[in-house]
């Protein structure tokens, strides 16, 4: 099957899913029912499962808000005037249509290692700017390239929900802490195995993006898709004029500067006391991006306007994470977690466990499109089985991270902010995502299996 055939097949798949598959929230509700029935099958009384669901439902509000702030922080930084000017400068580099697609893929994947929220927005803005400057580039391929960070390497980078959660005191639920303890970033994100994996996946993704980009008569431009560009600029370049004297402080940086200095001073204290590796957790990471966004927007009105634009992209997190937390409660407090851990242990060996975890994470990722939410469901039995088999716990987290990102290439859940900016539909993008999925899947499985042999088992760190 040629490139055009794969693109048509992917578009047909996306169209079918949009016609027949329900919203991602419906999958969360279905998961609650499935886990409840599983709990009954494992011998838990219905009354106990109801209690576990209710106790877990609101038990992860801090983690939910941390995930929301990752998206908002990435958006406010990406939409600021300085970053917008940087995007315009970057957009001047590509000279050919295929080169433009590969360049967007490179920017998307590399920035996703810093922040998936930043990658998603920067990638969309960069793709739009390139399409405005190069009318003959394929707009669908540009959009797919802008989304690549979310489907390849984001979870191997600094905004990894699972890795940051396991390294953050207070974010690990007590029931999970009793299994795994804390897993510092030195055992997950900062391993050389993780760095090599990210480098290989970026190289593969960029190469596929280049060779799959249409040329000649096969190109579908933005104009042919009904997308027009009319004076697009960074949001805070379009602020309305001050209307009353009381709004004076909204338009000057007199308050911005001392607040930013205060935030950076605190971050400096934390890094000095703990070291940069131990200091980087969800709280300090989000504080860094909010302070950076406030500084880049300069004026309070520009900052709050950008935050308002970012909030709709967090709706899925806000409404779905409590249900994931309820699922986590039913799994971790009932015999389900122990039964699944035993099943994983029975069907696996230390040699095959990374492959089993990878396959399971990919399959579940189609139904629970959330790295953090899905980790809450998988972690209790994934890590318990890893302990039983003496598989490195940190690499188990990274195996989950690398595999769970792959379904994002097809599932439109996280595409929504990008599709809104680029004014496209999921069916326009998923065809290229399908191609990336088919090629990256065996690469990820092989790397997870290979590098698992280079890492010894480390007992859990059970300090409070």
Protein backbone atom coordinates (compact mmCIF):
# COMPACT_ATOMS: atom_id res chain seq x y z
CA UNK A 1 0.00 0.00 0.00
CA UNK A 2 1.49 3.37 -1.04
CA UNK A 3 1.50 6.63 0.85
CA UNK A 4 -1.74 7.79 -0.76
CA UNK A 5 -3.41 4.47 0.03
CA UNK A 6 -2.38 4.68 3.67
CA UNK A 7 -3.64 8.25 3.90
CA UNK A 8 -7.01 7.28 2.37
CA UNK A 9 -7.28 4.28 4.69
CA UNK A 10 -6.54 6.44 7.73
CA UNK A 11 -9.09 9.05 6.68
CA UNK A 12 -11.71 6.31 6.21
CA UNK A 13 -10.89 4.95 9.68
CA UNK A 14 -11.25 8.39 11.24
CA UNK A 15 -14.55 8.96 9.43
CA UNK A 16 -15.87 5.62 10.67
CA UNK A 17 -14.83 6.38 14.23
CA UNK A 18 -16.47 9.81 14.14
CA UNK A 19 -19.69 8.23 12.87
CA UNK A 20 -19.88 5.20 15.13
CA UNK A 21 -17.63 5.66 18.16
CA UNK A 22 -18.94 7.61 21.17
CA UNK A 23 -17.22 10.48 22.93
CA UNK A 24 -14.16 9.76 25.09
CA UNK A 25 -16.21 10.56 28.21
CA UNK A 26 -18.56 7.71 27.36
CA UNK A 27 -15.58 5.35 27.39
CA UNK A 28 -14.77 6.55 30.92
CA UNK A 29 -18.33 5.74 32.00
CA UNK A 30 -18.15 2.33 30.33
CA UNK A 31 -14.87 1.67 32.13
CA UNK A 32 -16.57 2.34 35.49
CA UNK A 33 -19.22 -0.27 34.70
CA UNK A 34 -16.68 -2.81 33.43
CA UNK A 35 -14.50 -2.43 36.54
CA UNK A 36 -17.56 -2.68 38.81
CA UNK A 37 -18.57 -5.97 37.14
CA UNK A 38 -14.97 -7.18 37.38
CA UNK A 39 -14.98 -6.39 41.08
CA UNK A 40 -18.08 -8.53 41.53
CA UNK A 41 -16.39 -11.32 39.57
CA UNK A 42 -13.36 -11.13 41.88
CA UNK A 43 -15.63 -11.57 44.92
CA UNK A 44 -16.15 -8.01 46.19
CA UNK A 45 -19.65 -7.23 47.54
CA UNK A 46 -21.51 -4.59 45.54
CA UNK A 47 -21.77 -2.36 48.61
CA UNK A 48 -18.02 -2.38 49.07
CA UNK A 49 -17.42 -1.46 45.40
CA UNK A 50 -19.86 1.45 45.73
CA UNK A 51 -17.89 2.67 48.76
CA UNK A 52 -14.53 2.26 46.97
CA UNK A 53 -15.84 4.23 43.98
CA UNK A 54 -17.13 7.07 46.13
CA UNK A 55 -14.02 7.25 48.31
CA UNK A 56 -11.78 7.34 45.27
CA UNK A 57 -13.86 9.80 43.25
CA UNK A 58 -12.57 12.96 44.93
CA UNK A 59 -9.32 11.51 46.19
CA UNK A 60 -7.15 12.81 43.34
CA UNK A 61 -8.23 16.42 43.00
CA UNK A 62 -4.65 17.74 43.48
CA UNK A 63 -3.37 15.49 40.68
CA UNK A 64 -6.28 16.52 38.43
CA UNK A 65 -5.47 20.20 38.90
CA UNK A 66 -1.79 19.52 38.29
CA UNK A 67 -2.68 18.01 34.91
CA UNK A 68 -4.91 20.98 34.10
CA UNK A 69 -2.11 23.40 34.92
CA UNK A 70 0.30 21.55 32.60
CA UNK A 71 -2.03 22.30 29.67
CA UNK A 72 -2.63 25.90 30.72
CA UNK A 73 1.07 26.55 31.37
CA UNK A 74 2.05 25.23 27.96
CA UNK A 75 -0.62 27.32 26.25
CA UNK A 76 0.20 30.63 27.93
CA UNK A 77 3.88 30.25 27.09
CA UNK A 78 3.23 29.25 23.47
CA UNK A 79 0.74 32.06 22.84
CA UNK A 80 2.92 34.89 24.18
CA UNK A 81 4.36 37.59 21.89
CA UNK A 82 8.04 36.50 22.19
CA UNK A 83 7.24 32.86 21.44
CA UNK A 84 4.97 33.92 18.58
CA UNK A 85 7.84 35.88 17.06
CA UNK A 86 10.07 32.85 17.53
CA UNK A 87 7.47 30.75 15.70
CA UNK A 88 7.44 33.23 12.81
CA UNK A 89 11.24 33.04 12.65
CA UNK A 90 11.17 29.24 12.65
CA UNK A 91 8.56 29.25 9.90
CA UNK A 92 11.03 30.97 7.58
CA UNK A 93 13.40 27.97 7.49
CA UNK A 94 11.55 25.34 5.39
CA UNK A 95 11.92 25.76 1.64
CA UNK A 96 10.09 22.68 0.29
CA UNK A 97 6.71 21.17 1.13
CA UNK A 98 8.14 17.90 2.42
CA UNK A 99 10.88 19.75 4.29
CA UNK A 100 8.20 21.89 5.95
CA UNK A 101 6.30 18.82 7.17
CA UNK A 102 9.48 17.21 8.53
CA UNK A 103 10.50 20.48 10.21
CA UNK A 104 7.15 20.79 12.00
CA UNK A 105 7.47 17.15 13.09
CA UNK A 106 10.93 17.86 14.52
CA UNK A 107 9.75 20.93 16.44
CA UNK A 108 6.66 19.14 17.73
CA UNK A 109 8.52 16.09 19.01
CA UNK A 110 11.42 17.97 20.59
CA UNK A 111 9.23 20.54 22.35
CA UNK A 112 7.00 17.73 23.66
CA UNK A 113 9.97 16.57 25.75
CA UNK A 114 9.67 19.89 27.59
CA UNK A 115 5.87 20.08 27.77
CA UNK A 116 3.15 18.30 25.87
CA UNK A 117 0.93 21.36 26.26
CA UNK A 118 3.65 23.57 24.80
CA UNK A 119 4.25 21.13 21.94
CA UNK A 120 0.59 20.94 20.97
CA UNK A 121 0.12 24.70 20.78
CA UNK A 122 3.52 25.62 19.32
CA UNK A 123 3.13 22.89 16.72
CA UNK A 124 -0.30 24.18 15.67
CA UNK A 125 0.81 27.82 15.50
CA UNK A 126 3.96 26.87 13.55
CA UNK A 127 2.00 24.75 11.06
CA UNK A 128 -0.45 27.61 10.47
CA UNK A 129 2.33 30.12 9.93
CA UNK A 130 4.16 27.84 7.48
CA UNK A 131 0.93 27.20 5.56
CA UNK A 132 0.34 30.95 5.36
CA UNK A 133 3.83 31.46 3.92
CA UNK A 134 3.83 28.32 1.71
CA UNK A 135 0.36 27.94 0.14
CA UNK A 136 1.39 24.77 -1.75
CA UNK A 137 2.22 22.64 1.31
CA UNK A 138 -0.15 19.82 2.33
CA UNK A 139 -2.12 21.22 5.26
CA UNK A 140 -3.24 17.81 6.54
CA UNK A 141 0.32 16.51 6.73
CA UNK A 142 1.39 19.70 8.52
CA UNK A 143 -1.33 19.21 11.13
CA UNK A 144 -0.40 15.57 11.64
CA UNK A 145 3.26 16.56 12.03
CA UNK A 146 2.31 19.21 14.60
CA UNK A 147 0.56 16.51 16.61
CA UNK A 148 3.41 14.01 16.54
CA UNK A 149 4.80 14.98 19.94
CA UNK A 150 1.61 13.76 21.62
CA UNK A 151 1.80 10.44 19.84
CA UNK A 152 5.47 9.59 20.12
CA UNK A 153 7.76 10.94 22.83
CA UNK A 154 5.93 13.38 25.12
CA UNK A 155 5.64 10.85 27.95
CA UNK A 156 9.41 10.31 27.86
CA UNK A 157 9.92 14.00 28.67
CA UNK A 158 9.55 16.45 31.51
CA UNK A 159 5.74 16.58 31.54
CA UNK A 160 5.29 12.81 31.85
CA UNK A 161 2.23 12.39 34.06
CA UNK A 162 3.19 8.95 35.33
CA UNK A 163 6.87 9.66 35.99
CA UNK A 164 6.24 13.00 37.71
CA UNK A 165 3.43 11.53 39.76
CA UNK A 166 5.58 8.66 41.02
CA UNK A 167 8.36 11.10 41.96
CA UNK A 168 6.11 13.66 43.67
CA UNK A 169 5.41 13.42 47.38
CA UNK A 170 1.69 13.79 47.93
CA UNK A 171 0.70 12.85 44.38
CA UNK A 172 1.10 9.09 44.83
CA UNK A 173 -2.11 7.68 46.35
CA UNK A 174 -1.43 5.81 49.63
CA UNK A 175 -2.61 2.48 48.22
CA UNK A 176 -0.16 2.80 45.32
CA UNK A 177 2.64 4.08 47.56
CA UNK A 178 2.39 0.90 49.61
CA UNK A 179 3.20 -1.05 46.44
CA UNK A 180 5.86 1.05 44.74
CA UNK A 181 7.02 3.74 47.11
CA UNK A 182 8.51 6.78 45.43
CA UNK A 183 10.24 6.28 42.07
CA UNK A 184 12.64 9.22 41.52
CA UNK A 185 13.17 10.71 38.08
CA UNK A 186 16.72 9.38 38.12
CA UNK A 187 15.15 5.94 37.60
CA UNK A 188 12.74 7.03 34.85
CA UNK A 189 13.23 10.20 32.78
CA UNK A 190 16.93 10.67 33.50
CA UNK A 191 18.16 7.23 32.46
CA UNK A 192 20.30 6.98 29.35
CA UNK A 193 17.96 4.28 28.08
CA UNK A 194 15.10 6.78 28.09
CA UNK A 195 17.20 9.35 26.24
CA UNK A 196 18.20 6.90 23.52
CA UNK A 197 14.59 5.75 23.13
CA UNK A 198 13.42 9.35 22.68
CA UNK A 199 16.15 10.06 20.12
CA UNK A 200 15.29 6.97 18.05
CA UNK A 201 11.55 7.63 18.10
CA UNK A 202 12.03 11.27 17.08
CA UNK A 203 14.26 10.20 14.19
CA UNK A 204 11.77 7.59 13.00
CA UNK A 205 8.78 9.95 13.31
CA UNK A 206 10.45 12.81 11.43
CA UNK A 207 11.63 10.46 8.67
CA UNK A 208 8.15 8.98 8.22
CA UNK A 209 6.62 12.48 8.20
CA UNK A 210 9.01 13.53 5.43
CA UNK A 211 8.46 10.56 3.11
CA UNK A 212 4.70 10.36 3.65
CA UNK A 213 4.04 14.03 2.89
CA UNK A 214 2.17 14.34 -0.42
CA UNK A 215 3.73 16.09 -3.38
CA UNK A 216 2.45 17.42 -6.69
CA UNK A 217 -1.23 16.92 -7.45
CA UNK A 218 -1.77 14.90 -4.27
CA UNK A 219 -1.24 17.98 -2.07
CA UNK A 220 -4.30 19.29 -0.24
CA UNK A 221 -3.64 22.91 0.64
CA UNK A 222 -5.29 24.91 3.38
CA UNK A 223 -7.36 26.74 0.76
CA UNK A 224 -8.62 23.47 -0.76
CA UNK A 225 -9.77 22.41 2.72
CA UNK A 226 -11.64 25.69 3.23
CA UNK A 227 -9.14 27.13 5.71
CA UNK A 228 -8.26 30.80 5.36
CA UNK A 229 -5.79 32.96 7.27
CA UNK A 230 -6.94 36.43 8.16
CA UNK A 231 -4.57 38.53 10.15
CA UNK A 232 -3.61 35.79 12.59
CA UNK A 233 -1.45 37.06 15.41
CA UNK A 234 -0.58 36.18 18.99
CA UNK A 235 -3.61 36.65 21.30
CA UNK A 236 -2.03 39.34 23.45
CA UNK A 237 -1.22 41.47 20.39
CA UNK A 238 -4.95 41.97 19.98
CA UNK A 239 -5.82 43.41 23.38
CA UNK A 240 -8.59 45.94 23.38
CA UNK A 241 -7.80 49.47 24.51
CA UNK A 242 -8.06 50.39 28.18
CA UNK A 243 -11.53 51.79 28.83
CA UNK A 244 -11.48 53.00 32.46
CA UNK A 245 -8.83 54.34 34.88
CA UNK A 246 -9.47 51.32 37.09
CA UNK A 247 -8.02 49.06 34.38
CA UNK A 248 -4.62 50.76 34.49
CA UNK A 249 -2.97 47.95 36.47
CA UNK A 250 -4.25 45.40 33.95
CA UNK A 251 -2.11 46.93 31.22
CA UNK A 252 1.22 47.59 32.94
CA UNK A 253 3.84 45.16 34.34
CA UNK A 254 4.16 46.86 37.71
CA UNK A 255 2.67 43.81 39.45
CA UNK A 256 3.98 41.21 37.01
CA UNK A 257 7.67 41.82 37.69
CA UNK A 258 7.70 41.35 41.49
CA UNK A 259 5.45 38.28 41.30
CA UNK A 260 7.69 36.65 38.69
CA UNK A 261 10.78 37.45 40.77
CA UNK A 262 9.07 35.92 43.81
CA UNK A 263 8.21 32.74 41.92
CA UNK A 264 11.69 32.32 40.43
CA UNK A 265 13.27 33.00 43.83
CA UNK A 266 11.23 30.17 45.33
CA UNK A 267 12.23 27.82 42.49
CA UNK A 268 15.87 28.74 43.09
CA UNK A 269 15.52 27.86 46.78
CA UNK A 270 13.95 24.49 45.98
CA UNK A 271 16.65 23.61 43.43
CA UNK A 272 19.40 24.70 45.82
CA UNK A 273 17.96 22.58 48.63
CA UNK A 274 17.07 19.45 46.67
CA UNK A 275 19.10 19.55 43.47
CA UNK A 276 17.51 20.01 40.06
CA UNK A 277 16.52 16.34 39.62
CA UNK A 278 14.72 16.02 42.95
CA UNK A 279 13.24 19.52 42.67
CA UNK A 280 11.47 18.85 39.37
CA UNK A 281 8.04 17.56 40.28
CA UNK A 282 4.55 18.48 39.14
CA UNK A 283 4.25 21.46 41.46
CA UNK A 284 7.58 23.09 40.65
CA UNK A 285 7.17 22.30 36.95
CA UNK A 286 3.78 24.02 36.78
CA UNK A 287 4.98 26.98 38.82
CA UNK A 288 7.90 27.42 36.43
CA UNK A 289 5.64 27.53 33.37
CA UNK A 290 3.11 29.87 34.95
CA UNK A 291 5.84 32.30 36.02
CA UNK A 292 7.44 32.07 32.58
CA UNK A 293 4.06 32.67 30.93
CA UNK A 294 3.36 35.66 33.16
CA UNK A 295 6.76 37.11 32.31
CA UNK A 296 6.38 36.56 28.57
CA UNK A 297 2.89 38.08 28.45
CA UNK A 298 4.18 40.99 30.55
CA UNK A 299 0.76 42.53 31.22
CA UNK A 300 -1.80 40.89 33.54
CA UNK A 301 -4.62 41.37 31.01
CA UNK A 302 -2.67 39.55 28.30
CA UNK A 303 -1.88 36.69 30.68
CA UNK A 304 -5.47 36.20 31.87
CA UNK A 305 -6.77 36.39 28.31
CA UNK A 306 -4.40 33.63 27.28
CA UNK A 307 -5.47 31.51 30.26
CA UNK A 308 -9.11 31.97 29.25
CA UNK A 309 -8.26 30.71 25.77
CA UNK A 310 -6.49 27.68 27.25
CA UNK A 311 -9.22 26.57 29.67
CA UNK A 312 -11.52 24.87 27.10
CA UNK A 313 -8.68 22.48 26.25
CA UNK A 314 -8.77 21.21 29.86
CA UNK A 315 -12.46 20.25 29.90
CA UNK A 316 -11.78 16.57 29.22
CA UNK A 317 -9.33 16.37 32.13
CA UNK A 318 -11.68 18.09 34.56
CA UNK A 319 -14.69 15.93 33.85
CA UNK A 320 -12.99 12.58 33.27
CA UNK A 321 -10.28 12.39 35.92
CA UNK A 322 -12.70 12.01 38.87
CA UNK A 323 -14.20 8.98 37.14
CA UNK A 324 -10.72 7.57 36.57
CA UNK A 325 -10.09 8.16 40.26
CA UNK A 326 -13.26 6.25 41.12
CA UNK A 327 -12.04 3.41 38.91
CA UNK A 328 -8.69 3.54 40.70
CA UNK A 329 -10.49 3.26 44.04
CA UNK A 330 -12.43 0.17 42.96
CA UNK A 331 -9.30 -1.48 41.55
CA UNK A 332 -6.85 -0.69 44.35
CA UNK A 333 -9.09 -1.37 47.35
CA UNK A 334 -10.80 -4.48 46.00
CA UNK A 335 -9.23 -7.85 45.07
CA UNK A 336 -9.03 -6.68 41.43
CA UNK A 337 -5.52 -5.23 41.76
CA UNK A 338 -4.16 -8.35 43.42
CA UNK A 339 -5.91 -10.64 40.93
CA UNK A 340 -4.64 -8.72 37.90
CA UNK A 341 -1.12 -8.59 39.36
CA UNK A 342 -1.19 -12.36 39.76
CA UNK A 343 -2.49 -12.76 36.20
CA UNK A 344 0.30 -10.55 34.83
CA UNK A 345 2.83 -12.51 36.86
CA UNK A 346 1.52 -15.88 35.64
CA UNK A 347 1.46 -14.92 31.96
CA UNK A 348 4.86 -13.17 32.04
CA UNK A 349 8.47 -13.77 32.75
CA UNK A 350 11.07 -11.17 33.58
CA UNK A 351 12.07 -11.36 29.91
CA UNK A 352 8.60 -10.92 28.40
CA UNK A 353 7.06 -8.53 30.95
CA UNK A 354 7.96 -5.30 29.06
CA UNK A 355 6.20 -6.67 25.97
CA UNK A 356 3.08 -7.59 27.96
CA UNK A 357 2.95 -4.15 29.58
CA UNK A 358 3.48 -2.44 26.22
CA UNK A 359 0.70 -4.38 24.51
CA UNK A 360 -1.75 -3.88 27.36
CA UNK A 361 -1.00 -0.14 27.60
CA UNK A 362 -1.53 0.33 23.87
CA UNK A 363 -4.87 -1.50 23.92
CA UNK A 364 -6.18 0.34 27.00
CA UNK A 365 -4.99 3.63 25.52
CA UNK A 366 -7.62 3.44 22.79
CA UNK A 367 -10.33 3.48 25.46
CA UNK A 368 -8.76 5.71 28.15
CA UNK A 369 -7.00 8.52 26.21
CA UNK A 370 -5.20 10.06 29.16
CA UNK A 371 -1.64 9.29 30.24
CA UNK A 372 -2.27 10.35 33.84
CA UNK A 373 -5.78 8.96 34.18
CA UNK A 374 -4.86 5.64 32.62
CA UNK A 375 -1.80 5.33 34.84
CA UNK A 376 -4.08 5.52 37.87
CA UNK A 377 -5.93 2.50 36.54
CA UNK A 378 -2.90 0.42 35.51
CA UNK A 379 -0.31 1.33 38.14
CA UNK A 380 -1.51 -0.83 41.08
CA UNK A 381 -1.25 -4.15 39.27
CA UNK A 382 1.45 -3.19 36.74
CA UNK A 383 3.90 -2.23 39.49
CA UNK A 384 2.85 -5.08 41.80
CA UNK A 385 3.57 -7.63 39.07
CA UNK A 386 6.88 -5.90 38.27
CA UNK A 387 7.88 -6.30 41.92
CA UNK A 388 6.95 -9.98 41.89
CA UNK A 389 9.01 -10.55 38.73
CA UNK A 390 11.88 -8.31 39.91
CA UNK A 391 11.58 -6.04 36.88
CA UNK A 392 13.01 -2.53 37.27
CA UNK A 393 10.11 -0.35 38.50
CA UNK A 394 11.41 2.81 36.87
CA UNK A 395 11.67 1.16 33.46
CA UNK A 396 8.17 -0.29 33.95
CA UNK A 397 6.93 3.29 34.27
CA UNK A 398 8.82 4.26 31.10
CA UNK A 399 7.54 1.19 29.25
CA UNK A 400 4.04 2.34 30.09
CA UNK A 401 4.93 5.90 28.99
CA UNK A 402 6.35 4.90 25.61
CA UNK A 403 3.49 2.53 24.78
CA UNK A 404 0.55 4.53 26.05
CA UNK A 405 1.40 7.51 23.81
CA UNK A 406 1.00 5.49 20.61
CA UNK A 407 -2.85 5.35 20.55
CA UNK A 408 -2.88 9.16 20.65
CA UNK A 409 -1.82 9.05 16.99
CA UNK A 410 -5.27 7.67 16.14
CA UNK A 411 -7.52 8.68 19.03
CA UNK A 412 -8.79 12.27 18.47
CA UNK A 413 -9.15 13.13 22.17
CA UNK A 414 -5.93 15.16 22.53
CA UNK A 415 -6.15 16.51 18.98
CA UNK A 416 -8.99 18.84 19.91
CA UNK A 417 -6.92 21.95 20.82
CA UNK A 418 -4.79 21.56 17.67
CA UNK A 419 -7.79 20.94 15.43
CA UNK A 420 -9.44 24.06 16.81
CA UNK A 421 -6.42 26.23 16.02
CA UNK A 422 -5.93 24.75 12.57
CA UNK A 423 -9.66 24.55 11.74
CA UNK A 424 -9.57 20.91 10.68
CA UNK A 425 -11.44 17.72 11.49
CA UNK A 426 -9.91 14.60 13.00
CA UNK A 427 -10.45 12.68 9.75
CA UNK A 428 -8.06 15.09 8.03
CA UNK A 429 -5.21 14.11 10.36
CA UNK A 430 -5.71 10.52 11.50
CA UNK A 431 -4.60 8.94 8.23
CA UNK A 432 -1.05 10.11 8.77
CA UNK A 433 -1.30 9.21 12.44
CA UNK A 434 -2.21 5.66 11.45
CA UNK A 435 0.91 5.41 9.32
CA UNK A 436 3.08 6.63 12.21
CA UNK A 437 1.35 4.19 14.58
CA UNK A 438 2.02 1.18 12.37
CA UNK A 439 5.72 2.03 12.08
CA UNK A 440 6.38 3.18 15.64
CA UNK A 441 4.59 0.27 17.32
CA UNK A 442 7.22 -2.43 16.65
CA UNK A 443 10.04 0.06 17.32
CA UNK A 444 8.67 0.86 20.78
CA UNK A 445 8.07 -2.80 21.65
CA UNK A 446 11.62 -3.75 20.65
CA UNK A 447 13.27 -0.88 22.55
CA UNK A 448 11.26 -1.53 25.73
CA UNK A 449 12.25 -5.20 25.64
CA UNK A 450 15.89 -4.50 24.77
CA UNK A 451 16.59 -1.87 27.41
CA UNK A 452 14.81 -3.78 30.15
CA UNK A 453 17.79 -6.16 30.10
CA UNK A 454 20.17 -3.31 30.94
CA UNK A 455 18.47 -2.21 34.17
CA UNK A 456 18.62 -4.18 37.45
CA UNK A 457 15.77 -4.46 39.91
CA UNK A 458 15.83 -1.71 42.55
CA UNK A 459 13.74 -2.18 45.73
CA UNK A 460 11.02 0.46 46.28
CA UNK A 461 11.90 3.64 48.15
CA UNK A 462 9.37 3.58 50.99
CA UNK A 463 10.35 6.79 52.77
CA UNK A 464 7.38 9.08 53.44
